[in-house]
N, C-alpha and C. Protein backbone atom coordinates (compact mmCIF):
# COMPACT_ATOMS: atom_id res chain seq x y z
N MET A 1 -97.36 -37.24 176.25
CA MET A 1 -98.81 -37.67 176.66
C MET A 1 -99.63 -37.74 174.72
N ILE A 2 -98.96 -36.86 174.07
CA ILE A 2 -99.62 -37.22 172.76
C ILE A 2 -98.93 -38.49 172.16
N ALA A 3 -97.88 -38.86 172.52
CA ALA A 3 -97.59 -40.16 172.08
C ALA A 3 -97.83 -41.37 172.50
N LYS A 4 -98.43 -41.29 173.78
CA LYS A 4 -99.61 -42.30 174.40
C LYS A 4 -100.65 -42.14 173.66
N GLY A 5 -101.28 -41.42 173.41
CA GLY A 5 -102.74 -41.21 172.89
C GLY A 5 -102.39 -41.39 171.17
N GLY A 6 -101.41 -41.11 170.59
CA GLY A 6 -101.38 -41.70 169.40
C GLY A 6 -101.10 -43.16 169.09
N PHE A 7 -100.33 -43.61 170.06
CA PHE A 7 -100.07 -45.27 170.15
C PHE A 7 -101.78 -46.06 170.24
N VAL A 8 -102.45 -45.38 171.15
CA VAL A 8 -103.62 -45.90 171.27
C VAL A 8 -104.52 -45.92 170.08
N VAL A 9 -104.58 -44.70 169.61
CA VAL A 9 -105.45 -44.45 168.60
C VAL A 9 -104.83 -45.55 167.22
N ARG A 10 -103.52 -45.63 166.91
CA ARG A 10 -103.15 -46.73 166.22
C ARG A 10 -103.58 -48.28 166.54
N ILE A 11 -103.48 -48.50 167.70
CA ILE A 11 -104.08 -49.96 168.21
C ILE A 11 -105.37 -49.84 168.14
N GLN A 12 -106.36 -49.03 168.22
CA GLN A 12 -107.63 -49.04 167.83
C GLN A 12 -107.99 -48.99 166.17
N LEU A 13 -107.22 -48.16 165.57
CA LEU A 13 -107.17 -48.52 164.12
C LEU A 13 -106.78 -49.86 163.78
N LEU A 14 -105.81 -50.49 164.17
CA LEU A 14 -105.48 -52.13 163.96
C LEU A 14 -106.60 -52.93 163.94
N LEU A 15 -107.38 -52.65 165.38
CA LEU A 15 -108.13 -53.54 166.00
C LEU A 15 -109.47 -53.62 165.23
N ALA A 16 -109.65 -52.14 164.43
CA ALA A 16 -110.80 -51.95 163.60
C ALA A 16 -110.43 -52.68 162.34
N ALA A 17 -109.24 -52.64 161.86
CA ALA A 17 -109.07 -53.22 160.50
C ALA A 17 -108.98 -54.55 160.78
N ALA A 18 -108.37 -55.23 161.55
CA ALA A 18 -108.57 -56.79 161.74
C ALA A 18 -110.07 -56.99 161.92
N LEU A 19 -110.95 -56.28 162.50
CA LEU A 19 -112.24 -57.15 162.49
C LEU A 19 -113.18 -56.74 161.18
N GLY A 20 -112.64 -55.83 160.59
CA GLY A 20 -113.16 -55.66 159.52
C GLY A 20 -112.61 -56.92 158.22
N LEU A 21 -111.31 -56.79 158.68
CA LEU A 21 -111.07 -58.57 157.34
C LEU A 21 -111.92 -59.56 158.21
N SER A 22 -111.87 -59.77 159.17
CA SER A 22 -112.64 -60.79 159.96
C SER A 22 -113.97 -60.80 159.23
N VAL A 23 -114.81 -59.80 159.55
CA VAL A 23 -116.05 -60.06 158.85
C VAL A 23 -116.10 -60.18 157.43
N LEU A 24 -115.15 -59.73 156.64
CA LEU A 24 -115.31 -60.22 155.16
C LEU A 24 -115.16 -61.75 154.94
N SER A 25 -114.46 -62.06 155.89
CA SER A 25 -113.82 -63.65 155.51
C SER A 25 -114.87 -64.45 156.04
N LEU A 26 -116.04 -63.98 156.53
CA LEU A 26 -116.88 -64.98 157.65
C LEU A 26 -117.53 -65.77 155.92
N PRO A 27 -118.08 -67.04 156.49
CA PRO A 27 -118.41 -67.87 155.23
C PRO A 27 -119.64 -67.28 154.28
N HIS A 28 -120.02 -67.45 153.58
CA HIS A 28 -121.14 -66.63 152.66
C HIS A 28 -122.78 -66.93 153.59
N ASP A 29 -122.88 -68.04 153.98
CA ASP A 29 -124.07 -68.48 154.68
C ASP A 29 -124.06 -67.35 155.67
N VAL A 30 -123.23 -67.36 156.42
CA VAL A 30 -123.41 -66.11 157.60
C VAL A 30 -123.54 -64.77 157.22
N CYS A 31 -122.93 -64.42 156.13
CA CYS A 31 -122.89 -62.98 155.73
C CYS A 31 -124.20 -63.12 155.02
N ALA A 32 -125.38 -63.57 154.58
CA ALA A 32 -126.44 -63.44 153.45
C ALA A 32 -127.12 -63.05 154.21
N ASP A 33 -127.45 -62.17 153.36
CA ASP A 33 -128.87 -61.34 153.77
C ASP A 33 -130.11 -62.15 154.36
N GLU A 34 -130.44 -62.30 155.37
CA GLU A 34 -131.37 -62.86 155.79
C GLU A 34 -132.98 -62.71 155.87
N SER A 35 -133.18 -61.32 154.78
CA SER A 35 -134.33 -60.72 154.81
C SER A 35 -134.50 -61.08 153.63
N ALA A 36 -133.31 -61.75 152.50
CA ALA A 36 -133.76 -62.24 151.44
C ALA A 36 -134.95 -63.25 151.34
N GLU A 37 -135.77 -63.13 150.38
CA GLU A 37 -136.62 -64.22 150.05
C GLU A 37 -136.38 -65.49 149.27
N ALA A 38 -136.59 -66.55 149.63
CA ALA A 38 -136.51 -67.36 148.71
C ALA A 38 -137.54 -67.39 147.34
N PRO A 39 -137.15 -67.96 146.23
CA PRO A 39 -138.26 -67.73 145.21
C PRO A 39 -139.72 -68.31 145.29
N ALA A 40 -140.61 -67.69 145.26
CA ALA A 40 -141.84 -68.45 145.11
C ALA A 40 -142.15 -69.37 144.94
N PRO A 41 -143.08 -70.38 145.46
CA PRO A 41 -143.21 -71.54 144.75
C PRO A 41 -144.27 -71.72 143.42
N SER A 42 -144.15 -72.05 142.59
CA SER A 42 -144.84 -72.13 140.98
C SER A 42 -146.22 -72.51 141.71
N LEU A 43 -147.21 -72.07 140.72
CA LEU A 43 -148.35 -72.34 140.82
C LEU A 43 -148.82 -73.43 140.50
N GLU A 44 -147.61 -74.04 138.98
CA GLU A 44 -148.12 -74.87 138.11
C GLU A 44 -148.31 -76.19 139.29
N GLY A 45 -149.54 -76.96 138.56
CA GLY A 45 -149.60 -78.25 139.33
C GLY A 45 -150.98 -78.54 139.13
N THR A 46 -151.28 -79.53 140.08
CA THR A 46 -152.51 -80.22 140.24
C THR A 46 -153.31 -80.14 141.38
N TYR A 47 -154.76 -79.48 141.88
CA TYR A 47 -155.15 -79.39 143.08
C TYR A 47 -156.19 -80.29 143.41
N ALA A 48 -156.55 -80.67 144.42
CA ALA A 48 -158.02 -81.15 144.99
C ALA A 48 -158.13 -80.76 146.43
N PRO A 49 -160.07 -80.57 146.40
CA PRO A 49 -159.98 -80.42 147.62
C PRO A 49 -159.62 -81.45 148.75
N GLN A 50 -159.21 -81.47 149.79
CA GLN A 50 -158.37 -82.57 150.38
C GLN A 50 -160.17 -83.11 151.70
N ASN A 51 -161.16 -82.28 151.67
CA ASN A 51 -162.92 -82.70 152.19
C ASN A 51 -163.40 -82.16 151.50
N PRO A 52 -163.98 -83.10 150.08
CA PRO A 52 -165.04 -82.28 148.96
C PRO A 52 -166.25 -82.29 149.47
N LYS A 53 -166.65 -82.73 150.77
CA LYS A 53 -167.99 -82.72 151.34
C LYS A 53 -167.95 -81.73 152.00
N ALA A 54 -166.98 -81.21 153.08
CA ALA A 54 -166.66 -79.78 153.42
C ALA A 54 -166.84 -78.96 152.45
N ALA A 55 -166.12 -78.87 151.23
CA ALA A 55 -166.17 -77.75 150.39
C ALA A 55 -167.31 -77.69 149.89
N GLN A 56 -167.89 -78.81 149.36
CA GLN A 56 -169.39 -78.56 149.06
C GLN A 56 -170.39 -78.08 149.83
N ALA A 57 -170.45 -78.15 151.18
CA ALA A 57 -171.23 -77.74 151.97
C ALA A 57 -170.81 -76.14 152.17
N VAL A 58 -169.92 -75.63 152.02
CA VAL A 58 -169.54 -74.56 152.12
C VAL A 58 -169.99 -73.48 150.56
N ILE A 59 -170.18 -74.59 149.78
CA ILE A 59 -170.80 -73.48 148.32
C ILE A 59 -172.03 -73.52 148.97
N ASP A 60 -172.98 -74.63 149.06
CA ASP A 60 -174.08 -74.78 149.44
C ASP A 60 -174.77 -73.98 150.55
N ASN A 61 -174.02 -73.71 151.16
CA ASN A 61 -174.48 -72.47 152.36
C ASN A 61 -174.15 -71.47 151.89
N ALA A 62 -173.71 -71.00 151.20
CA ALA A 62 -173.06 -69.53 150.59
C ALA A 62 -174.07 -69.36 149.62
N ILE A 63 -174.52 -70.03 149.01
CA ILE A 63 -175.75 -70.26 147.73
C ILE A 63 -177.25 -69.79 148.57
N GLU A 64 -177.22 -70.77 149.95
CA GLU A 64 -178.60 -70.47 150.52
C GLU A 64 -178.30 -69.28 151.07
N SER A 65 -177.75 -68.58 151.67
CA SER A 65 -177.29 -67.08 152.19
C SER A 65 -177.89 -66.23 151.48
N VAL A 66 -177.47 -66.28 150.11
CA VAL A 66 -178.14 -65.09 148.66
C VAL A 66 -179.47 -65.82 148.52
N VAL A 67 -179.90 -67.19 148.41
CA VAL A 67 -181.35 -66.90 147.66
C VAL A 67 -182.19 -66.93 148.70
N GLN A 68 -182.09 -67.03 150.14
CA GLN A 68 -183.03 -66.94 151.05
C GLN A 68 -183.60 -65.40 150.91
N GLU A 69 -182.71 -64.55 150.59
CA GLU A 69 -182.98 -63.19 150.65
C GLU A 69 -184.29 -62.86 149.25
N MET A 70 -184.29 -63.84 148.15
CA MET A 70 -185.29 -63.48 147.02
C MET A 70 -186.65 -64.36 147.20
N ASN A 71 -187.38 -63.55 146.54
CA ASN A 71 -188.72 -63.95 146.78
C ASN A 71 -188.98 -65.28 146.14
N PHE A 72 -189.99 -66.17 146.63
CA PHE A 72 -189.91 -67.38 147.00
C PHE A 72 -190.17 -68.24 145.80
N ILE A 73 -190.64 -67.33 144.66
CA ILE A 73 -191.12 -68.06 143.31
C ILE A 73 -189.42 -67.83 142.65
N LYS A 74 -188.70 -67.09 142.83
CA LYS A 74 -187.49 -67.25 141.92
C LYS A 74 -186.37 -68.06 142.91
N ARG A 75 -186.57 -68.10 144.18
CA ARG A 75 -185.60 -69.30 144.95
C ARG A 75 -184.94 -70.18 144.19
N PRO A 76 -185.95 -71.11 143.80
CA PRO A 76 -185.80 -72.56 143.55
C PRO A 76 -184.84 -72.29 142.18
N PHE A 77 -185.20 -71.64 140.75
CA PHE A 77 -184.78 -71.07 139.93
C PHE A 77 -183.00 -70.81 140.28
N ALA A 78 -182.98 -70.08 141.31
CA ALA A 78 -181.93 -69.14 141.36
C ALA A 78 -180.83 -70.38 142.17
N ARG A 79 -181.43 -70.83 143.02
CA ARG A 79 -180.61 -71.99 143.88
C ARG A 79 -180.23 -72.97 142.57
N SER A 80 -180.76 -73.44 141.92
CA SER A 80 -180.40 -74.20 140.58
C SER A 80 -179.35 -73.81 139.96
N ARG A 81 -179.49 -72.37 139.13
CA ARG A 81 -178.78 -71.66 138.36
C ARG A 81 -177.36 -71.61 139.34
N LEU A 82 -177.33 -71.28 140.22
CA LEU A 82 -175.87 -70.97 141.11
C LEU A 82 -175.36 -72.49 141.64
N ARG A 83 -176.10 -73.31 141.45
CA ARG A 83 -175.30 -74.51 141.62
C ARG A 83 -174.44 -75.06 140.42
N ASP A 84 -175.47 -74.80 139.21
CA ASP A 84 -175.03 -75.18 137.89
C ASP A 84 -173.57 -74.38 137.20
N THR A 85 -174.16 -73.16 137.33
CA THR A 85 -172.61 -72.71 137.30
C THR A 85 -171.42 -72.31 138.38
N ASN A 86 -171.54 -72.90 139.37
CA ASN A 86 -170.45 -72.62 140.55
C ASN A 86 -170.19 -73.97 141.18
N PRO A 87 -170.15 -74.96 140.32
CA PRO A 87 -169.89 -76.00 141.13
C PRO A 87 -168.38 -76.56 141.96
N LEU A 88 -168.42 -77.48 142.75
CA LEU A 88 -167.23 -77.39 143.39
C LEU A 88 -165.71 -77.90 142.45
N LEU A 89 -164.90 -77.41 142.64
CA LEU A 89 -163.55 -77.78 141.66
C LEU A 89 -163.10 -79.13 142.47
N THR A 90 -163.30 -80.05 141.65
CA THR A 90 -162.82 -81.38 141.95
C THR A 90 -161.39 -81.47 141.77
N GLN A 91 -160.89 -80.98 140.98
CA GLN A 91 -159.67 -81.06 140.52
C GLN A 91 -159.14 -79.73 139.32
N VAL A 92 -158.15 -79.16 139.71
CA VAL A 92 -157.81 -78.01 139.19
C VAL A 92 -156.41 -77.89 138.94
N ARG A 93 -155.70 -77.69 137.48
CA ARG A 93 -154.41 -77.87 136.86
C ARG A 93 -154.01 -76.73 136.45
N PHE A 94 -152.92 -76.09 136.16
CA PHE A 94 -152.19 -75.08 135.95
C PHE A 94 -151.19 -75.78 134.97
N GLN A 95 -150.88 -75.23 133.85
CA GLN A 95 -149.97 -75.09 133.15
C GLN A 95 -149.51 -74.26 132.56
N ARG A 96 -148.17 -73.96 132.36
CA ARG A 96 -147.45 -72.82 131.67
C ARG A 96 -146.95 -73.47 130.02
N GLN A 97 -147.14 -72.87 129.08
CA GLN A 97 -147.07 -73.09 127.49
C GLN A 97 -146.64 -71.81 126.92
N ASP A 98 -145.54 -71.88 127.11
CA ASP A 98 -144.76 -70.18 126.76
C ASP A 98 -145.33 -69.46 127.09
N ASP A 99 -146.16 -68.28 126.22
CA ASP A 99 -147.15 -67.04 127.39
C ASP A 99 -148.55 -67.64 127.63
N LEU A 100 -148.85 -68.31 127.37
CA LEU A 100 -149.84 -68.74 127.69
C LEU A 100 -150.33 -69.70 129.22
N LEU A 101 -151.48 -69.55 129.52
CA LEU A 101 -151.42 -70.36 131.22
C LEU A 101 -152.67 -71.15 130.89
N ILE A 102 -152.46 -72.33 130.84
CA ILE A 102 -153.98 -73.82 130.59
C ILE A 102 -154.30 -73.69 132.04
N TYR A 103 -155.68 -73.55 132.07
CA TYR A 103 -156.41 -73.57 133.55
C TYR A 103 -157.11 -75.13 133.31
N THR A 104 -157.06 -75.90 133.57
CA THR A 104 -158.24 -77.04 133.55
C THR A 104 -158.86 -77.61 134.71
N TYR A 105 -160.19 -77.60 134.82
CA TYR A 105 -160.92 -77.95 135.75
C TYR A 105 -161.92 -79.06 135.73
N ASN A 106 -162.18 -79.89 136.41
CA ASN A 106 -163.21 -80.67 136.85
C ASN A 106 -163.68 -81.73 135.26
N ALA A 107 -162.49 -82.75 135.28
CA ALA A 107 -162.64 -83.54 134.01
C ALA A 107 -162.42 -82.90 132.75
N GLY A 108 -161.94 -82.02 132.44
CA GLY A 108 -161.32 -81.56 131.12
C GLY A 108 -162.12 -80.24 130.68
N ASN A 109 -162.40 -79.14 131.34
CA ASN A 109 -162.98 -78.13 131.31
C ASN A 109 -161.43 -77.36 131.11
N VAL A 110 -161.44 -76.42 130.25
CA VAL A 110 -160.33 -75.95 129.60
C VAL A 110 -160.27 -74.36 129.31
N ILE A 111 -159.44 -73.67 130.01
CA ILE A 111 -159.02 -72.42 129.61
C ILE A 111 -157.87 -71.75 129.05
N ARG A 112 -157.81 -71.66 128.16
CA ARG A 112 -156.45 -71.29 127.64
C ARG A 112 -156.22 -69.63 127.32
N LEU A 113 -155.41 -69.16 128.02
CA LEU A 113 -155.56 -67.59 128.07
C LEU A 113 -154.10 -66.82 128.48
N VAL A 114 -153.33 -65.73 128.20
CA VAL A 114 -152.18 -65.24 128.03
C VAL A 114 -152.72 -64.27 129.88
N PRO A 115 -152.04 -64.43 130.90
CA PRO A 115 -152.07 -63.86 131.74
C PRO A 115 -151.55 -62.53 132.06
N ASN A 116 -152.34 -61.40 132.53
CA ASN A 116 -152.32 -60.00 132.41
C ASN A 116 -151.93 -59.40 130.63
N GLY A 117 -153.05 -60.25 129.71
CA GLY A 117 -152.71 -60.20 128.18
C GLY A 117 -154.52 -59.70 127.75
N PRO A 118 -154.97 -59.85 126.67
CA PRO A 118 -156.40 -59.27 126.17
C PRO A 118 -157.09 -60.40 126.75
N ALA A 119 -158.67 -59.92 126.51
CA ALA A 119 -159.45 -60.66 127.12
C ALA A 119 -159.91 -61.66 126.12
N ILE A 120 -160.37 -63.07 126.23
CA ILE A 120 -160.68 -63.63 125.10
C ILE A 120 -162.44 -64.01 125.42
N ARG A 121 -162.98 -64.71 124.53
CA ARG A 121 -164.30 -65.11 124.41
C ARG A 121 -164.24 -66.34 124.67
N TRP A 122 -165.16 -66.95 125.90
CA TRP A 122 -164.70 -68.46 126.38
C TRP A 122 -166.31 -68.69 126.57
N LYS A 123 -166.53 -69.64 125.87
CA LYS A 123 -168.09 -70.47 126.33
C LYS A 123 -167.70 -71.62 127.31
N SER A 124 -169.05 -70.79 128.48
CA SER A 124 -169.06 -72.15 129.39
C SER A 124 -169.66 -73.49 129.06
N PRO A 125 -169.38 -74.39 129.56
CA PRO A 125 -169.47 -75.72 129.54
C PRO A 125 -170.79 -76.10 130.44
N ALA A 126 -170.83 -75.26 131.45
CA ALA A 126 -172.22 -74.96 132.71
C ALA A 126 -173.02 -74.82 131.92
N ASP A 127 -173.46 -73.62 131.06
CA ASP A 127 -174.54 -73.32 131.06
C ASP A 127 -174.80 -72.29 129.26
N GLY A 128 -173.68 -73.01 128.72
CA GLY A 128 -173.47 -72.36 127.27
C GLY A 128 -173.50 -71.15 127.06
N ASN A 129 -173.26 -70.45 128.05
CA ASN A 129 -173.31 -68.89 127.81
C ASN A 129 -171.84 -68.49 127.36
N THR A 130 -171.36 -67.44 126.53
CA THR A 130 -170.38 -66.95 126.14
C THR A 130 -169.76 -65.97 127.28
N TYR A 131 -168.52 -65.83 127.78
CA TYR A 131 -167.87 -64.95 128.70
C TYR A 131 -166.87 -64.15 128.23
N GLU A 132 -166.78 -62.69 128.09
CA GLU A 132 -165.63 -62.24 127.87
C GLU A 132 -164.60 -62.95 129.43
N THR A 133 -163.91 -63.39 129.27
CA THR A 133 -162.74 -63.60 129.99
C THR A 133 -161.48 -63.47 130.11
N LYS A 134 -160.91 -62.84 130.98
CA LYS A 134 -159.14 -62.62 131.35
C LYS A 134 -158.81 -62.80 132.22
N ALA A 135 -157.38 -62.85 132.03
CA ALA A 135 -156.94 -63.14 133.81
C ALA A 135 -155.68 -62.58 134.02
N THR A 136 -155.26 -62.50 135.52
CA THR A 136 -153.88 -61.83 135.98
C THR A 136 -153.36 -62.78 136.68
N LEU A 137 -151.99 -62.68 136.57
CA LEU A 137 -151.02 -63.29 137.40
C LEU A 137 -150.00 -62.90 138.00
N VAL A 138 -150.25 -62.51 139.16
CA VAL A 138 -149.13 -61.58 140.41
C VAL A 138 -148.84 -62.56 140.79
N GLY A 139 -147.24 -62.79 141.12
CA GLY A 139 -146.76 -63.56 142.06
C GLY A 139 -147.45 -65.08 142.12
N ARG A 140 -148.09 -65.28 143.40
CA ARG A 140 -148.86 -66.49 143.81
C ARG A 140 -150.01 -66.16 143.57
N ARG A 141 -150.47 -65.39 142.90
CA ARG A 141 -152.03 -65.04 142.97
C ARG A 141 -152.80 -64.80 141.44
N PHE A 142 -153.61 -65.79 141.05
CA PHE A 142 -154.11 -66.50 139.49
C PHE A 142 -155.44 -65.60 139.57
N THR A 143 -156.03 -64.82 138.89
CA THR A 143 -157.49 -64.25 138.95
C THR A 143 -157.97 -63.97 137.98
N LEU A 144 -158.95 -65.02 137.59
CA LEU A 144 -159.69 -65.28 136.51
C LEU A 144 -161.28 -64.02 136.71
N PHE A 145 -161.44 -63.07 135.43
CA PHE A 145 -162.47 -62.50 135.36
C PHE A 145 -163.46 -62.87 134.06
N PHE A 146 -164.68 -63.19 134.64
CA PHE A 146 -165.79 -63.50 133.47
C PHE A 146 -166.83 -62.70 133.88
N LYS A 147 -166.96 -61.85 131.97
CA LYS A 147 -168.32 -61.01 132.61
C LYS A 147 -169.23 -61.29 131.18
N GLY A 148 -170.65 -61.52 131.63
CA GLY A 148 -171.11 -62.05 130.72
C GLY A 148 -172.83 -61.05 130.71
N GLU A 149 -173.56 -61.34 129.86
CA GLU A 149 -175.29 -60.61 129.65
C GLU A 149 -175.59 -60.56 131.15
N GLU A 150 -175.33 -62.12 132.25
CA GLU A 150 -176.42 -61.68 133.27
C GLU A 150 -175.76 -61.28 134.80
N GLY A 151 -174.03 -60.96 134.63
CA GLY A 151 -173.39 -60.56 135.35
C GLY A 151 -172.30 -61.12 135.50
N SER A 152 -171.54 -61.08 136.17
CA SER A 152 -170.07 -61.63 136.54
C SER A 152 -169.42 -62.31 137.49
N LYS A 153 -167.89 -62.74 137.38
CA LYS A 153 -167.32 -63.75 138.42
C LYS A 153 -165.99 -63.37 138.46
N LYS A 154 -165.51 -63.12 139.61
CA LYS A 154 -164.10 -63.10 139.96
C LYS A 154 -163.92 -64.51 140.52
N GLU A 155 -162.61 -64.83 139.79
CA GLU A 155 -162.44 -66.43 140.79
C GLU A 155 -160.72 -66.42 141.01
N VAL A 156 -160.19 -66.06 142.54
CA VAL A 156 -159.21 -66.09 142.61
C VAL A 156 -158.43 -67.41 143.14
N PHE A 157 -157.00 -67.71 142.87
CA PHE A 157 -156.60 -68.45 143.31
C PHE A 157 -155.39 -68.33 144.04
N GLU A 158 -155.35 -68.37 145.24
CA GLU A 158 -153.77 -67.94 145.87
C GLU A 158 -153.31 -68.65 146.34
N LEU A 159 -151.81 -69.18 145.85
CA LEU A 159 -151.04 -70.39 146.76
C LEU A 159 -150.39 -69.98 147.47
N GLY A 160 -150.78 -70.90 149.12
CA GLY A 160 -149.94 -70.06 150.17
C GLY A 160 -148.55 -70.37 150.37
N ALA A 161 -147.72 -69.98 151.20
CA ALA A 161 -146.33 -69.63 151.49
C ALA A 161 -146.04 -71.37 151.63
N ASP A 162 -146.53 -72.41 151.93
CA ASP A 162 -146.33 -73.71 151.85
C ASP A 162 -145.90 -74.29 150.67
N GLY A 163 -146.73 -73.69 149.51
CA GLY A 163 -146.63 -74.24 148.35
C GLY A 163 -147.69 -75.61 147.88
N THR A 164 -148.34 -75.63 149.11
CA THR A 164 -149.39 -77.03 148.98
C THR A 164 -150.71 -76.58 149.06
N THR A 165 -150.89 -75.31 149.93
CA THR A 165 -152.57 -74.99 149.95
C THR A 165 -152.58 -73.90 148.80
N LEU A 166 -154.43 -74.08 148.04
CA LEU A 166 -154.32 -73.46 147.24
C LEU A 166 -155.95 -72.76 147.59
N THR A 167 -155.75 -71.19 147.54
CA THR A 167 -157.17 -70.95 148.39
C THR A 167 -158.06 -70.44 147.35
N VAL A 168 -159.26 -70.82 147.13
CA VAL A 168 -160.09 -70.33 145.93
C VAL A 168 -161.44 -69.55 146.27
N HIS A 169 -161.34 -68.49 146.14
CA HIS A 169 -162.32 -67.25 146.24
C HIS A 169 -163.07 -66.97 145.39
N SER A 170 -164.21 -66.98 145.01
CA SER A 170 -165.11 -66.69 144.20
C SER A 170 -165.87 -65.51 144.49
N VAL A 171 -166.35 -64.52 143.75
CA VAL A 171 -167.24 -63.58 144.25
C VAL A 171 -168.10 -63.54 142.42
N ILE A 172 -169.26 -63.73 142.72
CA ILE A 172 -170.34 -64.05 141.68
C ILE A 172 -171.25 -62.74 142.26
N THR A 173 -171.83 -61.89 141.06
CA THR A 173 -172.52 -60.74 140.97
C THR A 173 -173.55 -60.65 140.04
N SER A 174 -174.80 -60.11 140.36
CA SER A 174 -175.62 -60.11 138.77
C SER A 174 -176.82 -58.95 139.49
N PRO A 175 -177.44 -58.47 138.50
CA PRO A 175 -178.70 -57.73 139.20
C PRO A 175 -180.08 -58.67 139.53
N GLN A 176 -179.69 -59.67 139.24
CA GLN A 176 -180.89 -60.73 139.47
C GLN A 176 -180.59 -61.01 141.03
N LEU A 177 -179.34 -60.69 141.58
CA LEU A 177 -179.10 -61.51 143.15
C LEU A 177 -179.27 -60.12 143.96
N PRO A 178 -179.70 -60.82 145.24
CA PRO A 178 -179.95 -59.59 146.27
C PRO A 178 -178.59 -59.11 146.75
N LYS A 179 -177.48 -59.97 146.65
CA LYS A 179 -176.32 -59.78 146.91
C LYS A 179 -175.37 -60.55 146.13
N ALA A 180 -173.79 -59.95 146.26
CA ALA A 180 -172.69 -61.00 145.67
C ALA A 180 -172.61 -62.18 146.63
N LEU A 181 -172.55 -63.01 145.77
CA LEU A 181 -172.49 -64.62 146.08
C LEU A 181 -170.88 -64.91 146.28
N GLU A 182 -170.53 -65.02 147.72
CA GLU A 182 -168.75 -65.27 147.93
C GLU A 182 -168.70 -66.84 148.10
N ILE A 183 -167.84 -67.18 147.70
CA ILE A 183 -167.48 -68.92 148.07
C ILE A 183 -165.81 -68.69 148.43
N ARG A 184 -165.78 -69.67 149.23
CA ARG A 184 -164.33 -69.69 149.85
C ARG A 184 -163.87 -70.94 150.55
N TYR A 185 -162.88 -71.77 149.82
CA TYR A 185 -162.65 -72.70 150.54
C TYR A 185 -161.29 -73.54 149.61
N THR A 186 -160.26 -74.13 150.41
CA THR A 186 -159.36 -74.64 150.07
C THR A 186 -159.17 -76.05 149.23
N LEU A 187 -157.78 -75.90 148.40
CA LEU A 187 -157.40 -77.11 147.41
C LEU A 187 -155.90 -77.51 148.13
N LYS A 188 -155.80 -78.74 147.64
CA LYS A 188 -154.19 -78.57 148.62
C LYS A 188 -153.72 -79.69 146.70
N ARG A 189 -152.12 -79.57 147.00
CA ARG A 189 -151.30 -79.49 145.80
C ARG A 189 -151.31 -81.44 146.10
N LYS A 190 -151.37 -82.13 144.66
CA LYS A 190 -151.54 -83.72 144.49
C LYS A 190 -150.27 -83.90 144.31
C-alpha cells in the first residue's frame, strides 16, 4: 500500500514538474505582466481647441460668474482685466531642450523654465506685470504657478491617457475678487 502511495506521489511530482516546465516555455507575450503600463505619452507637441467658440464661452461664463458678485462700479473694470489676462489659448506648444521646458502660447508668447526647478521672473505680455513663475512636471501633468502683487494664477495642463486631449484648468485668485476664478476647457494635439 505504501508503494502504491509512493507511486502516486511520484506521478504527482512528475506532472507538477512537467506543468512547471510548460509554463516556463510559454511565449513571452503570454507570460508578460498585463498590469505593466505602457510608457506615458509625451506632453511635447502642439495643441489647439477643437471648438474655439465653445472654449471662449467657457471663459466668458466663468468670468461673468465672478464679476456678478462685485460692486457695479468695479464690475466692468474687473471683467476687462480678467479677459485681457486670461485669453483663450488658441495654440499651445511644449518643447524640451535639455533641462528646459519651453512653453509657447498664442502666437509666440514664450516661457522658458526648468520644471521642478527654481522660480523665474517673467513679464506678461498681457498686462506688462512681472510675475514670479515656476513649474512642476509630474508624469502627464504640467503646472505653472504665477505670483504677482495683485494675485496669483495656477495653470494645470494634463494630458489624457489617449495622448491627444490636453485639459487646461486655471485658478486665479486675488484679494480684489469675491471668489477664485476657475476656468477649464480642452485642447487637442495637432
